[in-house]
Structure formats: C-alpha cells, structure tokens
N, C-alpha and C. Protein backbone atom coordinates (compact mmCIF):
# COMPACT_ATOMS: atom_id res chain seq x y z
N MET A 1 1.31 39.16 2.06
CA MET A 1 1.97 39.88 3.01
C MET A 1 1.29 41.22 3.14
N ALA A 2 1.17 41.80 4.42
CA ALA A 2 0.55 43.04 4.63
C ALA A 2 1.43 44.25 4.11
N THR A 3 0.84 45.23 3.71
CA THR A 3 1.53 46.41 3.17
C THR A 3 1.22 47.73 3.84
N LEU A 4 1.95 48.71 3.61
CA LEU A 4 1.70 50.05 4.11
C LEU A 4 1.15 50.99 3.04
N HIS A 5 0.39 52.02 3.56
CA HIS A 5 0.07 53.05 2.57
C HIS A 5 0.92 54.20 2.95
N LEU A 6 1.88 54.62 2.09
CA LEU A 6 2.89 55.62 2.45
C LEU A 6 2.53 56.87 1.69
N GLN A 7 2.57 57.98 2.34
CA GLN A 7 2.38 59.33 1.63
C GLN A 7 3.53 60.26 2.17
N VAL A 8 4.22 60.92 1.18
CA VAL A 8 5.19 61.92 1.48
C VAL A 8 4.54 63.21 0.94
N VAL A 9 4.54 64.16 1.95
CA VAL A 9 3.82 65.43 1.61
C VAL A 9 4.77 66.61 1.97
N SER A 10 4.93 67.49 0.97
CA SER A 10 5.81 68.62 1.10
C SER A 10 5.08 69.86 0.81
N LEU A 11 5.75 71.06 0.92
CA LEU A 11 5.03 72.29 0.58
C LEU A 11 4.60 72.27 -0.93
N ASP A 12 5.35 71.51 -1.69
CA ASP A 12 4.92 71.38 -3.14
C ASP A 12 3.74 70.55 -3.38
N GLY A 13 3.33 69.83 -2.39
CA GLY A 13 2.21 68.87 -2.52
C GLY A 13 2.56 67.42 -2.19
N VAL A 14 1.81 66.45 -2.73
CA VAL A 14 2.04 65.08 -2.41
C VAL A 14 3.22 64.65 -3.40
N ILE A 15 4.32 64.24 -2.85
CA ILE A 15 5.42 63.68 -3.66
C ILE A 15 5.36 62.23 -3.93
N TYR A 16 4.76 61.50 -3.00
CA TYR A 16 4.67 60.09 -3.08
C TYR A 16 3.41 59.61 -2.39
N ASP A 17 2.69 58.60 -3.05
CA ASP A 17 1.48 58.11 -2.55
C ASP A 17 1.31 56.74 -3.13
N GLU A 18 1.70 55.73 -2.26
CA GLU A 18 1.72 54.32 -2.66
C GLU A 18 1.14 53.39 -1.66
N HIS A 19 0.33 52.35 -2.05
CA HIS A 19 -0.28 51.35 -1.18
C HIS A 19 0.41 50.04 -1.17
N THR A 20 1.47 49.89 -1.92
CA THR A 20 2.20 48.64 -2.00
C THR A 20 3.51 48.62 -1.39
N VAL A 21 3.71 49.28 -0.15
CA VAL A 21 5.00 49.49 0.46
C VAL A 21 5.05 48.44 1.49
N LYS A 22 6.18 47.58 1.55
CA LYS A 22 6.46 46.55 2.51
C LYS A 22 7.09 47.18 3.68
N GLU A 23 8.08 48.10 3.59
CA GLU A 23 8.71 48.67 4.66
C GLU A 23 9.31 50.02 4.35
N VAL A 24 9.43 50.88 5.24
CA VAL A 24 10.02 52.23 5.12
C VAL A 24 11.11 52.35 6.25
N THR A 25 12.28 52.77 5.83
CA THR A 25 13.41 53.00 6.71
C THR A 25 13.84 54.50 6.67
N LEU A 26 13.95 55.09 7.87
CA LEU A 26 14.23 56.50 7.82
C LEU A 26 14.92 56.83 9.18
N ARG A 27 15.43 58.15 9.25
CA ARG A 27 16.06 58.57 10.45
C ARG A 27 15.19 59.62 11.16
N THR A 28 14.97 59.22 12.47
CA THR A 28 14.14 60.07 13.44
C THR A 28 15.20 60.82 14.32
N SER A 29 14.68 61.67 15.16
CA SER A 29 15.56 62.35 16.07
C SER A 29 16.18 61.39 17.09
N GLU A 30 15.56 60.21 17.26
CA GLU A 30 16.08 59.21 18.22
C GLU A 30 16.87 58.08 17.52
N GLY A 31 17.04 58.16 16.24
CA GLY A 31 17.83 57.16 15.50
C GLY A 31 17.03 56.57 14.31
N ALA A 32 17.59 55.69 13.60
CA ALA A 32 16.99 55.02 12.47
C ALA A 32 15.88 54.11 12.88
N ILE A 33 14.82 54.01 12.08
CA ILE A 33 13.72 53.03 12.36
C ILE A 33 13.19 52.52 11.04
N THR A 34 12.72 51.35 11.15
CA THR A 34 12.04 50.72 9.96
C THR A 34 10.56 50.49 10.39
N VAL A 35 9.61 51.00 9.57
CA VAL A 35 8.22 50.82 9.84
C VAL A 35 7.70 49.73 9.01
N LEU A 36 7.06 48.68 9.66
CA LEU A 36 6.39 47.61 8.90
C LEU A 36 4.85 47.76 8.98
N ALA A 37 4.19 46.99 8.26
CA ALA A 37 2.65 46.97 8.43
C ALA A 37 2.25 46.69 9.82
N ASN A 38 1.26 47.35 10.34
CA ASN A 38 0.64 47.05 11.64
C ASN A 38 1.59 47.62 12.82
N HIS A 39 2.50 48.58 12.41
CA HIS A 39 3.27 49.21 13.44
C HIS A 39 2.42 49.96 14.43
N ILE A 40 2.93 50.11 15.68
CA ILE A 40 2.14 50.93 16.60
C ILE A 40 2.05 52.40 16.18
N PRO A 41 1.01 53.06 16.57
CA PRO A 41 0.85 54.56 16.15
C PRO A 41 2.09 55.24 16.73
N LEU A 42 2.48 56.30 16.14
CA LEU A 42 3.73 56.96 16.38
C LEU A 42 3.69 58.31 15.74
N VAL A 43 4.14 59.37 16.43
CA VAL A 43 4.48 60.66 15.86
C VAL A 43 5.89 61.04 16.40
N THR A 44 6.79 61.32 15.56
CA THR A 44 8.07 61.73 15.94
C THR A 44 8.75 62.69 14.88
N PRO A 45 9.73 63.45 15.33
CA PRO A 45 10.50 64.30 14.36
C PRO A 45 11.28 63.37 13.38
N LEU A 46 11.37 63.85 12.18
CA LEU A 46 12.21 63.22 11.15
C LEU A 46 13.44 64.05 10.83
N LYS A 47 14.57 63.36 10.73
CA LYS A 47 15.78 64.11 10.37
C LYS A 47 15.80 64.24 8.88
N GLU A 48 16.61 65.19 8.38
CA GLU A 48 16.98 65.31 7.02
C GLU A 48 17.77 64.02 6.60
N SER A 49 17.24 63.37 5.59
CA SER A 49 17.90 62.04 5.30
C SER A 49 17.32 61.61 3.99
N GLU A 50 17.86 60.33 3.62
CA GLU A 50 17.36 59.61 2.50
C GLU A 50 16.30 58.49 3.15
N VAL A 51 15.22 58.54 2.64
CA VAL A 51 14.16 57.51 3.10
C VAL A 51 14.23 56.37 2.07
N ARG A 52 14.38 55.10 2.63
CA ARG A 52 14.43 53.91 1.85
C ARG A 52 13.08 53.26 1.96
N ILE A 53 12.51 53.05 0.70
CA ILE A 53 11.16 52.42 0.55
C ILE A 53 11.44 50.95 -0.11
N LEU A 54 10.94 50.02 0.52
CA LEU A 54 10.93 48.64 -0.13
C LEU A 54 9.46 48.38 -0.48
N ARG A 55 9.31 48.15 -1.62
CA ARG A 55 7.88 47.82 -2.26
C ARG A 55 7.60 46.31 -2.12
N GLU A 56 6.40 45.97 -2.27
CA GLU A 56 5.92 44.63 -2.10
C GLU A 56 6.53 43.72 -3.10
N ASP A 57 6.94 44.27 -4.39
CA ASP A 57 7.55 43.42 -5.47
C ASP A 57 9.13 43.25 -5.23
N GLY A 58 9.60 43.90 -4.17
CA GLY A 58 11.05 43.70 -3.92
C GLY A 58 11.86 44.89 -4.33
N THR A 59 11.32 45.80 -5.17
CA THR A 59 12.04 46.92 -5.65
C THR A 59 12.22 47.91 -4.61
N GLU A 60 13.33 48.80 -4.63
CA GLU A 60 13.65 49.83 -3.65
C GLU A 60 13.46 51.16 -4.39
N GLU A 61 13.02 52.10 -3.65
CA GLU A 61 13.01 53.55 -4.01
C GLU A 61 13.51 54.32 -2.90
N TYR A 62 14.11 55.50 -3.25
CA TYR A 62 14.63 56.39 -2.20
C TYR A 62 14.11 57.77 -2.49
N ILE A 63 13.83 58.51 -1.38
CA ILE A 63 13.40 59.85 -1.36
C ILE A 63 14.23 60.64 -0.48
N SER A 64 14.84 61.76 -0.87
CA SER A 64 15.56 62.61 -0.10
C SER A 64 14.59 63.65 0.56
N THR A 65 14.72 63.82 1.83
CA THR A 65 13.78 64.72 2.63
C THR A 65 14.45 65.70 3.50
N SER A 66 13.81 66.85 3.73
CA SER A 66 14.35 67.71 4.58
C SER A 66 13.78 67.29 6.09
N ARG A 67 14.07 67.99 7.15
CA ARG A 67 13.49 67.72 8.49
C ARG A 67 11.98 67.79 8.32
N GLY A 68 11.32 67.08 9.23
CA GLY A 68 9.80 67.11 9.25
C GLY A 68 9.30 66.19 10.29
N VAL A 69 8.24 65.64 10.08
CA VAL A 69 7.51 64.75 11.01
C VAL A 69 7.02 63.46 10.37
N ILE A 70 7.08 62.39 11.11
CA ILE A 70 6.53 61.12 10.55
C ILE A 70 5.41 60.80 11.56
N GLU A 71 4.24 60.39 10.92
CA GLU A 71 3.04 59.96 11.62
C GLU A 71 2.78 58.57 11.17
N VAL A 72 2.79 57.63 12.11
CA VAL A 72 2.32 56.25 11.82
C VAL A 72 0.93 56.16 12.31
N ARG A 73 -0.06 55.91 11.49
CA ARG A 73 -1.45 55.78 11.85
C ARG A 73 -1.92 54.41 11.90
N PRO A 74 -3.07 54.21 12.55
CA PRO A 74 -3.67 52.85 12.58
C PRO A 74 -3.97 52.45 11.11
N LYS A 75 -4.19 51.19 10.84
CA LYS A 75 -4.51 50.59 9.61
C LYS A 75 -3.30 50.71 8.58
N SER A 76 -2.04 50.71 9.16
CA SER A 76 -0.79 50.67 8.37
C SER A 76 -0.71 51.88 7.49
N GLU A 77 -1.05 53.09 7.86
CA GLU A 77 -0.85 54.23 7.08
C GLU A 77 0.34 55.03 7.76
N VAL A 78 1.25 55.48 6.80
CA VAL A 78 2.30 56.30 7.20
C VAL A 78 2.42 57.55 6.39
N VAL A 79 2.60 58.69 7.17
CA VAL A 79 2.61 59.96 6.48
C VAL A 79 3.85 60.69 6.95
N LEU A 80 4.65 61.15 5.84
CA LEU A 80 5.78 62.04 6.21
C LEU A 80 5.47 63.41 5.85
N ILE A 81 5.62 64.39 6.67
CA ILE A 81 5.26 65.78 6.40
C ILE A 81 6.60 66.55 6.47
N VAL A 82 7.09 67.00 5.36
CA VAL A 82 8.36 67.74 5.29
C VAL A 82 8.30 69.03 4.45
N ASN A 83 9.33 69.88 4.60
CA ASN A 83 9.38 70.97 3.90
C ASN A 83 9.67 70.74 2.35
N ARG A 84 10.68 69.87 2.12
CA ARG A 84 11.18 69.48 0.79
C ARG A 84 11.28 68.02 0.78
N ALA A 85 11.01 67.49 -0.52
CA ALA A 85 11.28 66.03 -0.70
C ALA A 85 11.49 65.89 -2.17
N LYS A 86 12.33 64.92 -2.60
CA LYS A 86 12.63 64.64 -3.93
C LYS A 86 12.92 63.16 -4.13
N LYS A 87 12.35 62.58 -5.15
CA LYS A 87 12.73 61.17 -5.47
C LYS A 87 14.10 61.19 -6.04
N ILE A 88 14.92 60.22 -5.57
CA ILE A 88 16.31 60.02 -6.16
C ILE A 88 16.46 58.60 -6.66
C-alpha cells in the first residue's frame, strides 16, 4: 500500500517526520479532511485541533496543533506548518 511522508513543523523545529503514514485526518478552515497517498496538491489553513495519524502498521498517533497551514505536495508529501505542536 502507498504511504505518505508527513512532517509537522513548529517554531520549535520538526516535531514529526515519518515516511510510513497511511492517512492523516485533520481540521481545516473548510472542515475535516483525510489525506491519503497520491492526494491532489493542496494548501489550506489548518484549525487548532488534534491531528490523527494512521501508520502503515495500523497504529494511531495524535498530535495537538495550533492554527497553521497544511501543504499537500506531489509524491505524497504532507507538511503541517504550525506555531505549536505536541505529541499526545
């Protein structure tokens, strides 16, 4: 199965950097979205929320984030740029 490369970057640096992510669910200014591998490119505001990360092995992780921006890039790369982020 195809995977994503997810990075979460805050003012403190890179909080999360993983290549084995199956899907990422988060809240944007337009509502909740789930990003899968090969998603169309996208740049949109990110609301303060908990980001759900489903890894390739089926485990889930959560990161609490402040407002920011999500950028979905070609080749299944996803970058969240936020002021604050913390693994929970």
